[in-house]
Amino acid sequence: MPNTSHEYAGKVVVVTGVNREIGAAIAHLFVAAGADVYAAFHGEPERVDTLLQACAGLTGRVTVSDCDLRDTTAHDALIQRAVATYGAVDVFIANAGVTVFGPFLSMTESDYDTVFDLNLKGTFFGVQAAARQMVTQGRGGRIVLSSSVTGVTAMAGAAVYGTSKAALRHLASILGVELGRSGITVNAIAIGATINDRNLADNPEYASLWGALSPMGRVGTPHDVAQTVRYLCSDAAQLVNGQTLTIDGGWTLTSPLSAGEHQQ
């Protein structure tokens, strides 16, 4: 039965990276909660078709747009299209990102640029475009940045990826200060072990391996992450600003690794 929640009715939510599981789960949840969602992706159109099918019959609406967010000019265009389609931008979820793991001594300039061009530069200018629109509208807003537990705790093999994600945590803090007086909250989520196709391709035993290392006894799901984002964008989180909320079942409390896992 379709979700008939109206919690976000009248709100316009822009989500990036919806061609992957977490972004799709976030977009789906907001559509189910009544929002008008403008969803950005790059590549993998079959995954976006699946998202559109899943959103059919839900309370809100969704429009998808293919754009390469490594291009800084794409961000203003994305926000302009969202406004042209739905009239405003109330929420911006900077979810698009890329993962590259490997020994520090083997990392290349190409590896570095691949990660930072999307994870940090792409997020920075996406948030800038969204925040400018929110300030112009004059009714505040919510911004969430997608970070990682590799930006919270040191993990061998994550010198490039983890540094990009740590930068996003600090960016959320700075923007919480700068944009808070405009009624815009900016927070980050530090995502822990989460089940998705990429992780399962790397290790078919991913869920059981990482679940055994968590105090909660399981890994996260894209829906777990989406629920946290929904909270940060809700009226219940009006004074949550400049923070990083970790979604890892408590793994970072001790940060255990199994034998050989990311040991470089």
C-alpha atoms as a PDB file:
ATOM      1  CA  MET A   1       0.000   0.000   0.000  1.00  0.00           C
ATOM      2  CA  PRO A   2       1.425   3.464  -0.867  1.00  0.00           C
ATOM      3  CA  ASN A   3       2.736   5.583   1.973  1.00  0.00           C
ATOM      4  CA  THR A   4       0.285   8.427   2.610  1.00  0.00           C
ATOM      5  CA  SER A   5       2.463  10.501   4.957  1.00  0.00           C
ATOM      6  CA  HIS A   6       2.339  14.251   4.357  1.00  0.00           C
ATOM      7  CA  GLU A   7       5.210  15.302   6.669  1.00  0.00           C
ATOM      8  CA  TYR A   8       7.087  17.008   3.820  1.00  0.00           C
ATOM      9  CA  ALA A   9       4.119  18.148   1.747  1.00  0.00           C
ATOM     10  CA  GLY A  10       4.927  21.485   0.146  1.00  0.00           C
ATOM     11  CA  LYS A  11       8.683  21.006   0.534  1.00  0.00           C
ATOM     12  CA  VAL A  12      11.097  20.754  -2.372  1.00  0.00           C
ATOM     13  CA  VAL A  13      13.999  18.385  -1.808  1.00  0.00           C
ATOM     14  CA  VAL A  14      17.048  18.082  -4.072  1.00  0.00           C
ATOM     15  CA  VAL A  15      18.995  14.820  -3.720  1.00  0.00           C
ATOM     16  CA  THR A  16      22.174  13.947  -5.612  1.00  0.00           C
ATOM     17  CA  GLY A  17      23.547  10.509  -6.396  1.00  0.00           C
ATOM     18  CA  VAL A  18      20.197   8.733  -6.687  1.00  0.00           C
ATOM     19  CA  ASN A  19      21.606   6.134  -9.067  1.00  0.00           C
ATOM     20  CA  ARG A  20      23.096   4.353  -6.064  1.00  0.00           C
ATOM     21  CA  GLU A  21      21.305   2.670  -3.179  1.00  0.00           C
ATOM     22  CA  ILE A  22      21.586   5.309  -0.454  1.00  0.00           C
ATOM     23  CA  GLY A  23      20.607   8.201  -2.700  1.00  0.00           C
ATOM     24  CA  ALA A  24      17.668   6.227  -4.065  1.00  0.00           C
ATOM     25  CA  ALA A  25      16.501   5.346  -0.551  1.00  0.00           C
ATOM     26  CA  ILE A  26      16.667   9.009   0.493  1.00  0.00           C
ATOM     27  CA  ALA A  27      14.739  10.176  -2.563  1.00  0.00           C
ATOM     28  CA  HIS A  28      12.133   7.448  -2.143  1.00  0.00           C
ATOM     29  CA  LEU A  29      11.598   8.242   1.536  1.00  0.00           C
ATOM     30  CA  PHE A  30      11.019  11.954   0.865  1.00  0.00           C
ATOM     31  CA  VAL A  31       8.612  11.245  -1.991  1.00  0.00           C
ATOM     32  CA  ALA A  32       6.749   8.881   0.335  1.00  0.00           C
ATOM     33  CA  ALA A  33       6.598  11.693   2.904  1.00  0.00           C
ATOM     34  CA  GLY A  34       4.913  14.060   0.446  1.00  0.00           C
ATOM     35  CA  ALA A  35       7.873  16.082  -0.852  1.00  0.00           C
ATOM     36  CA  ASP A  36       8.544  17.199  -4.400  1.00  0.00           C
ATOM     37  CA  VAL A  37      11.934  15.633  -5.070  1.00  0.00           C
ATOM     38  CA  TYR A  38      14.364  16.753  -7.755  1.00  0.00           C
ATOM     39  CA  ALA A  39      16.780  13.839  -8.050  1.00  0.00           C
ATOM     40  CA  ALA A  40      20.201  14.099  -9.700  1.00  0.00           C
ATOM     41  CA  PHE A  41      22.163  11.172 -11.068  1.00  0.00           C
ATOM     42  CA  HIS A  42      25.028  10.469 -13.465  1.00  0.00           C
ATOM     43  CA  GLY A  43      25.011   7.196 -15.361  1.00  0.00           C
ATOM     44  CA  GLU A  44      23.216   3.916 -14.574  1.00  0.00           C
ATOM     45  CA  PRO A  45      19.823   5.025 -15.952  1.00  0.00           C
ATOM     46  CA  GLU A  46      18.361   1.582 -15.263  1.00  0.00           C
ATOM     47  CA  ARG A  47      18.745   2.217 -11.531  1.00  0.00           C
ATOM     48  CA  VAL A  48      16.918   5.523 -11.898  1.00  0.00           C
ATOM     49  CA  ASP A  49      14.102   3.756 -13.746  1.00  0.00           C
ATOM     50  CA  THR A  50      13.780   1.434 -10.762  1.00  0.00           C
ATOM     51  CA  LEU A  51      13.530   4.452  -8.446  1.00  0.00           C
ATOM     52  CA  LEU A  52      10.814   6.024 -10.582  1.00  0.00           C
ATOM     53  CA  GLN A  53       8.833   2.793 -10.541  1.00  0.00           C
ATOM     54  CA  ALA A  54       9.166   2.540  -6.765  1.00  0.00           C
ATOM     55  CA  CYS A  55       7.888   6.121  -6.341  1.00  0.00           C
ATOM     56  CA  ALA A  56       4.811   5.616  -8.518  1.00  0.00           C
ATOM     57  CA  GLY A  57       1.660   6.051  -6.441  1.00  0.00           C
ATOM     58  CA  LEU A  58       3.395   7.690  -3.479  1.00  0.00           C
ATOM     59  CA  THR A  59       2.285  10.972  -1.942  1.00  0.00           C
ATOM     60  CA  GLY A  60       4.952  13.242  -3.415  1.00  0.00           C
ATOM     61  CA  ARG A  61       6.429  13.769  -6.861  1.00  0.00           C
ATOM     62  CA  VAL A  62       9.878  13.056  -8.315  1.00  0.00           C
ATOM     63  CA  THR A  63      11.773  14.415 -11.293  1.00  0.00           C
ATOM     64  CA  VAL A  64      15.182  13.069 -12.305  1.00  0.00           C
ATOM     65  CA  SER A  65      18.057  14.871 -14.010  1.00  0.00           C
ATOM     66  CA  ASP A  66      21.326  13.480 -15.379  1.00  0.00           C
ATOM     67  CA  CYS A  67      24.224  15.798 -14.551  1.00  0.00           C
ATOM     68  CA  ASP A  68      27.956  15.439 -13.912  1.00  0.00           C
ATOM     69  CA  LEU A  69      28.527  17.129 -10.575  1.00  0.00           C
ATOM     70  CA  ARG A  70      32.297  17.146 -11.011  1.00  0.00           C
ATOM     71  CA  ASP A  71      31.610  20.140 -13.267  1.00  0.00           C
ATOM     72  CA  THR A  72      31.178  23.174 -11.040  1.00  0.00           C
ATOM     73  CA  THR A  73      28.864  24.838 -13.555  1.00  0.00           C
ATOM     74  CA  ALA A  74      26.441  21.923 -13.249  1.00  0.00           C
ATOM     75  CA  HIS A  75      25.388  22.879  -9.737  1.00  0.00           C
ATOM     76  CA  ASP A  76      23.809  26.236 -10.511  1.00  0.00           C
ATOM     77  CA  ALA A  77      22.045  24.613 -13.454  1.00  0.00           C
ATOM     78  CA  LEU A  78      20.751  21.802 -11.239  1.00  0.00           C
ATOM     79  CA  ILE A  79      19.287  24.217  -8.698  1.00  0.00           C
ATOM     80  CA  GLN A  80      17.805  26.387 -11.446  1.00  0.00           C
ATOM     81  CA  ARG A  81      16.092  23.351 -12.965  1.00  0.00           C
ATOM     82  CA  ALA A  82      14.730  22.320  -9.579  1.00  0.00           C
ATOM     83  CA  VAL A  83      13.301  25.806  -9.043  1.00  0.00           C
ATOM     84  CA  ALA A  84      11.864  25.901 -12.556  1.00  0.00           C
ATOM     85  CA  THR A  85      10.190  22.545 -11.941  1.00  0.00           C
ATOM     86  CA  TYR A  86       8.926  22.934  -8.376  1.00  0.00           C
ATOM     87  CA  GLY A  87       9.321  26.620  -7.505  1.00  0.00           C
ATOM     88  CA  ALA A  88      11.864  26.488  -4.691  1.00  0.00           C
ATOM     89  CA  VAL A  89      14.541  24.488  -2.868  1.00  0.00           C
ATOM     90  CA  ASP A  90      13.938  23.754   0.808  1.00  0.00           C
ATOM     91  CA  VAL A  91      16.247  20.782   1.362  1.00  0.00           C
ATOM     92  CA  PHE A  92      19.529  19.835  -0.296  1.00  0.00           C
ATOM     93  CA  ILE A  93      21.066  16.401   0.255  1.00  0.00           C
ATOM     94  CA  ALA A  94      24.640  16.255  -1.067  1.00  0.00           C
ATOM     95  CA  ASN A  95      24.848  12.491  -1.389  1.00  0.00           C
ATOM     96  CA  ALA A  96      26.829  11.974  -4.612  1.00  0.00           C
ATOM     97  CA  GLY A  97      30.301  10.583  -4.053  1.00  0.00           C
ATOM     98  CA  VAL A  98      32.881   8.073  -5.182  1.00  0.00           C
ATOM     99  CA  THR A  99      35.024   5.571  -3.276  1.00  0.00           C
ATOM    100  CA  VAL A 100      38.675   4.739  -3.979  1.00  0.00           C
ATOM    101  CA  PHE A 101      40.606   2.620  -1.472  1.00  0.00           C
ATOM    102  CA  GLY A 102      44.268   1.622  -1.663  1.00  0.00           C
ATOM    103  CA  PRO A 103      47.684   1.996  -0.015  1.00  0.00           C
ATOM    104  CA  PHE A 104      48.783   5.612   0.416  1.00  0.00           C
ATOM    105  CA  LEU A 105      52.064   4.959  -1.387  1.00  0.00           C
ATOM    106  CA  SER A 106      50.186   3.677  -4.415  1.00  0.00           C
ATOM    107  CA  MET A 107      47.674   6.535  -4.717  1.00  0.00           C
ATOM    108  CA  THR A 108      48.000   8.536  -7.928  1.00  0.00           C
ATOM    109  CA  GLU A 109      47.088  12.079  -8.815  1.00  0.00           C
ATOM    110  CA  SER A 110      44.259  10.627 -10.885  1.00  0.00           C
ATOM    111  CA  ASP A 111      42.935   8.746  -7.823  1.00  0.00           C
ATOM    112  CA  TYR A 112      43.116  11.934  -5.786  1.00  0.00           C
ATOM    113  CA  ASP A 113      41.347  14.032  -8.401  1.00  0.00           C
ATOM    114  CA  THR A 114      38.655  11.401  -8.983  1.00  0.00           C
ATOM    115  CA  VAL A 115      37.720  11.432  -5.296  1.00  0.00           C
ATOM    116  CA  PHE A 116      38.116  15.105  -4.442  1.00  0.00           C
ATOM    117  CA  ASP A 117      36.509  16.447  -7.626  1.00  0.00           C
ATOM    118  CA  LEU A 118      33.213  14.837  -6.661  1.00  0.00           C
ATOM    119  CA  ASN A 119      33.308  14.214  -2.911  1.00  0.00           C
ATOM    120  CA  LEU A 120      34.614  17.602  -1.837  1.00  0.00           C
ATOM    121  CA  LYS A 121      34.587  20.071  -4.725  1.00  0.00           C
ATOM    122  CA  GLY A 122      31.315  18.723  -6.058  1.00  0.00           C
ATOM    123  CA  THR A 123      29.683  18.880  -2.638  1.00  0.00           C
ATOM    124  CA  PHE A 124      31.099  22.335  -1.897  1.00  0.00           C
ATOM    125  CA  PHE A 125      29.688  23.972  -5.020  1.00  0.00           C
ATOM    126  CA  GLY A 126      26.433  22.031  -4.864  1.00  0.00           C
ATOM    127  CA  VAL A 127      25.808  23.285  -1.341  1.00  0.00           C
ATOM    128  CA  GLN A 128      26.826  26.797  -2.369  1.00  0.00           C
ATOM    129  CA  ALA A 129      24.274  26.847  -5.197  1.00  0.00           C
ATOM    130  CA  ALA A 130      21.528  25.453  -2.969  1.00  0.00           C
ATOM    131  CA  ALA A 131      22.319  27.824  -0.093  1.00  0.00           C
ATOM    132  CA  ARG A 132      22.242  30.864  -2.363  1.00  0.00           C
ATOM    133  CA  GLN A 133      18.763  29.858  -3.482  1.00  0.00           C
ATOM    134  CA  MET A 134      17.627  29.278   0.108  1.00  0.00           C
ATOM    135  CA  VAL A 135      18.950  32.674   1.217  1.00  0.00           C
ATOM    136  CA  THR A 136      17.155  34.359  -1.696  1.00  0.00           C
ATOM    137  CA  GLN A 137      13.917  32.616  -0.748  1.00  0.00           C
ATOM    138  CA  GLY A 138      14.270  33.873   2.831  1.00  0.00           C
ATOM    139  CA  ARG A 139      12.567  30.946   4.548  1.00  0.00           C
ATOM    140  CA  GLY A 140      15.536  28.919   5.764  1.00  0.00           C
ATOM    141  CA  GLY A 141      16.344  25.401   4.743  1.00  0.00           C
ATOM    142  CA  ARG A 142      18.074  22.127   5.494  1.00  0.00           C
ATOM    143  CA  ILE A 143      21.362  20.863   4.054  1.00  0.00           C
ATOM    144  CA  VAL A 144      22.889  17.436   4.714  1.00  0.00           C
ATOM    145  CA  LEU A 145      26.359  16.321   3.595  1.00  0.00           C
ATOM    146  CA  SER A 146      27.207  12.658   3.102  1.00  0.00           C
ATOM    147  CA  SER A 147      30.395  11.839   5.023  1.00  0.00           C
ATOM    148  CA  SER A 148      31.747   8.518   6.302  1.00  0.00           C
ATOM    149  CA  VAL A 149      33.170   6.821   9.376  1.00  0.00           C
ATOM    150  CA  THR A 150      36.471   6.801   7.458  1.00  0.00           C
ATOM    151  CA  GLY A 151      36.440  10.560   8.032  1.00  0.00           C
ATOM    152  CA  VAL A 152      35.989  10.013  11.765  1.00  0.00           C
ATOM    153  CA  THR A 153      38.459   7.229  12.546  1.00  0.00           C
ATOM    154  CA  ALA A 154      41.740   6.368  10.836  1.00  0.00           C
ATOM    155  CA  MET A 155      41.579   3.385   8.494  1.00  0.00           C
ATOM    156  CA  ALA A 156      44.506   2.098   6.435  1.00  0.00           C
ATOM    157  CA  GLY A 157      43.801   2.361   2.731  1.00  0.00           C
ATOM    158  CA  ALA A 158      41.495   5.376   3.084  1.00  0.00           C
ATOM    159  CA  ALA A 159      44.039   8.206   2.841  1.00  0.00           C
ATOM    160  CA  VAL A 160      42.280   9.843  -0.095  1.00  0.00           C
ATOM    161  CA  TYR A 161      38.679   8.828   0.491  1.00  0.00           C
ATOM    162  CA  GLY A 162      38.759   9.317   4.273  1.00  0.00           C
ATOM    163  CA  THR A 163      40.389  12.735   3.983  1.00  0.00           C
ATOM    164  CA  SER A 164      37.696  13.884   1.564  1.00  0.00           C
ATOM    165  CA  LYS A 165      35.009  12.726   3.986  1.00  0.00           C
ATOM    166  CA  ALA A 166      36.710  14.297   7.009  1.00  0.00           C
ATOM    167  CA  ALA A 167      36.733  17.595   5.132  1.00  0.00           C
ATOM    168  CA  LEU A 168      32.969  17.364   4.697  1.00  0.00           C
ATOM    169  CA  ARG A 169      32.486  17.005   8.456  1.00  0.00           C
ATOM    170  CA  HIS A 170      34.384  20.232   9.035  1.00  0.00           C
ATOM    171  CA  LEU A 171      32.634  21.956   6.156  1.00  0.00           C
ATOM    172  CA  ALA A 172      29.296  21.181   7.831  1.00  0.00           C
ATOM    173  CA  SER A 173      30.530  22.834  11.020  1.00  0.00           C
ATOM    174  CA  ILE A 174      31.724  25.971   9.242  1.00  0.00           C
ATOM    175  CA  LEU A 175      28.558  26.290   7.182  1.00  0.00           C
ATOM    176  CA  GLY A 176      26.435  25.715  10.262  1.00  0.00           C
ATOM    177  CA  VAL A 177      27.986  28.914  11.608  1.00  0.00           C
ATOM    178  CA  GLU A 178      27.802  30.896   8.367  1.00  0.00           C
ATOM    179  CA  LEU A 179      24.323  29.875   7.263  1.00  0.00           C
ATOM    180  CA  GLY A 180      22.610  29.402  10.608  1.00  0.00           C
ATOM    181  CA  ARG A 181      21.629  33.056  10.852  1.00  0.00           C
ATOM    182  CA  SER A 182      19.714  32.626   7.606  1.00  0.00           C
ATOM    183  CA  GLY A 183      17.703  29.835   9.188  1.00  0.00           C
ATOM    184  CA  ILE A 184      19.607  27.158   7.265  1.00  0.00           C
ATOM    185  CA  THR A 185      20.926  24.170   9.176  1.00  0.00           C
ATOM    186  CA  VAL A 186      23.893  22.252   7.786  1.00  0.00           C
ATOM    187  CA  ASN A 187      24.785  18.823   9.126  1.00  0.00           C
ATOM    188  CA  ALA A 188      26.764  15.813   7.988  1.00  0.00           C
ATOM    189  CA  ILE A 189      26.135  12.108   8.324  1.00  0.00           C
ATOM    190  CA  ALA A 190      29.071   9.762   8.895  1.00  0.00           C
ATOM    191  CA  ILE A 191      27.911   6.546   7.260  1.00  0.00           C
ATOM    192  CA  GLY A 192      29.301   3.277   8.583  1.00  0.00           C
ATOM    193  CA  ALA A 193      29.219  -0.225   7.130  1.00  0.00           C
ATOM    194  CA  THR A 194      26.150  -0.317   4.904  1.00  0.00           C
ATOM    195  CA  ILE A 195      24.910  -3.097   2.664  1.00  0.00           C
ATOM    196  CA  ASN A 196      25.007  -2.220  -1.028  1.00  0.00           C
ATOM    197  CA  ASP A 197      25.960  -3.793  -4.339  1.00  0.00           C
ATOM    198  CA  ARG A 198      29.515  -2.427  -4.349  1.00  0.00           C
ATOM    199  CA  ASN A 199      30.312  -3.743  -0.889  1.00  0.00           C
ATOM    200  CA  LEU A 200      28.837  -7.145  -1.706  1.00  0.00           C
ATOM    201  CA  ALA A 201      30.857  -7.265  -4.926  1.00  0.00           C
ATOM    202  CA  ASP A 202      34.024  -6.574  -2.940  1.00  0.00           C
ATOM    203  CA  ASN A 203      33.129  -9.228  -0.363  1.00  0.00           C
ATOM    204  CA  PRO A 204      30.047 -11.486  -0.534  1.00  0.00           C
ATOM    205  CA  GLU A 205      30.398 -11.962   3.253  1.00  0.00           C
ATOM    206  CA  TYR A 206      30.342  -8.216   3.864  1.00  0.00           C
ATOM    207  CA  ALA A 207      27.161  -8.164   5.957  1.00  0.00           C
ATOM    208  CA  SER A 208      28.190 -10.947   8.324  1.00  0.00           C
ATOM    209  CA  LEU A 209      31.809  -9.757   8.574  1.00  0.00           C
ATOM    210  CA  TRP A 210      31.035  -6.163   9.455  1.00  0.00           C
ATOM    211  CA  GLY A 211      27.892  -7.035  11.387  1.00  0.00           C
ATOM    212  CA  ALA A 212      29.994  -9.107  13.767  1.00  0.00           C
ATOM    213  CA  LEU A 213      32.177  -6.039  14.443  1.00  0.00           C
ATOM    214  CA  SER A 214      29.248  -3.785  15.371  1.00  0.00           C
ATOM    215  CA  PRO A 215      27.838  -3.451  18.901  1.00  0.00           C
ATOM    216  CA  MET A 216      24.405  -3.741  17.282  1.00  0.00           C
ATOM    217  CA  GLY A 217      25.298  -6.995  15.557  1.00  0.00           C
ATOM    218  CA  ARG A 218      24.376  -5.876  12.051  1.00  0.00           C
ATOM    219  CA  VAL A 219      25.393  -3.553   9.269  1.00  0.00           C
ATOM    220  CA  GLY A 220      23.307  -0.619   8.162  1.00  0.00           C
ATOM    221  CA  THR A 221      20.917  -0.434   5.245  1.00  0.00           C
ATOM    222  CA  PRO A 222      20.231   2.446   2.842  1.00  0.00           C
ATOM    223  CA  HIS A 223      16.886   2.868   4.606  1.00  0.00           C
ATOM    224  CA  ASP A 224      18.696   3.370   7.946  1.00  0.00           C
ATOM    225  CA  VAL A 225      20.640   6.223   6.386  1.00  0.00           C
ATOM    226  CA  ALA A 226      17.552   7.705   4.751  1.00  0.00           C
ATOM    227  CA  GLN A 227      15.678   7.722   8.058  1.00  0.00           C
ATOM    228  CA  THR A 228      18.501   9.691   9.671  1.00  0.00           C
ATOM    229  CA  VAL A 229      18.484  12.222   6.849  1.00  0.00           C
ATOM    230  CA  ARG A 230      14.719  12.547   7.194  1.00  0.00           C
ATOM    231  CA  TYR A 231      15.160  13.377  10.884  1.00  0.00           C
ATOM    232  CA  LEU A 232      17.851  16.005  10.248  1.00  0.00           C
ATOM    233  CA  CYS A 233      15.554  17.742   7.764  1.00  0.00           C
ATOM    234  CA  SER A 234      12.488  17.630  10.016  1.00  0.00           C
ATOM    235  CA  ASP A 235      11.017  20.162  12.429  1.00  0.00           C
ATOM    236  CA  ALA A 236      12.231  17.907  15.248  1.00  0.00           C
ATOM    237  CA  ALA A 237      15.832  18.827  14.341  1.00  0.00           C
ATOM    238  CA  GLN A 238      15.432  22.602  14.144  1.00  0.00           C
ATOM    239  CA  LEU A 239      18.359  23.242  16.515  1.00  0.00           C
ATOM    240  CA  VAL A 240      20.625  20.471  15.249  1.00  0.00           C
ATOM    241  CA  ASN A 241      23.196  22.465  13.288  1.00  0.00           C
ATOM    242  CA  GLY A 242      26.826  22.054  12.305  1.00  0.00           C
ATOM    243  CA  GLN A 243      26.928  18.493  13.619  1.00  0.00           C
ATOM    244  CA  THR A 244      28.003  15.127  12.272  1.00  0.00           C
ATOM    245  CA  LEU A 245      25.626  12.299  13.131  1.00  0.00           C
ATOM    246  CA  THR A 246      27.291   8.890  12.900  1.00  0.00           C
ATOM    247  CA  ILE A 247      25.219   6.012  11.526  1.00  0.00           C
ATOM    248  CA  ASP A 248      27.244   2.924  12.362  1.00  0.00           C
ATOM    249  CA  GLY A 249      25.547   1.060  15.220  1.00  0.00           C
ATOM    250  CA  GLY A 250      28.367   2.188  17.521  1.00  0.00           C
ATOM    251  CA  TRP A 251      31.286   0.807  15.478  1.00  0.00           C
ATOM    252  CA  THR A 252      33.391   3.957  15.845  1.00  0.00           C
ATOM    253  CA  LEU A 253      33.276   3.623  19.648  1.00  0.00           C
ATOM    254  CA  THR A 254      36.084   1.084  19.321  1.00  0.00           C
ATOM    255  CA  SER A 255      36.547   0.824  15.510  1.00  0.00           C
ATOM    256  CA  PRO A 256      37.500  -2.870  15.352  1.00  0.00           C
ATOM    257  CA  LEU A 257      38.715  -4.414  12.100  1.00  0.00           C
ATOM    258  CA  SER A 258      38.740  -8.080  11.187  1.00  0.00           C
ATOM    259  CA  ALA A 259      41.972  -9.728  10.123  1.00  0.00           C
ATOM    260  CA  GLY A 260      43.057  -8.346   6.766  1.00  0.00           C
ATOM    261  CA  GLU A 261      40.178  -5.905   6.350  1.00  0.00           C
ATOM    262  CA  HIS A 262      41.634  -2.789   4.719  1.00  0.00           C
ATOM    263  CA  GLN A 263      45.032  -3.549   6.146  1.00  0.00           C
ATOM    264  CA  GLN A 264      47.445  -2.162   3.568  1.00  0.00           C
END
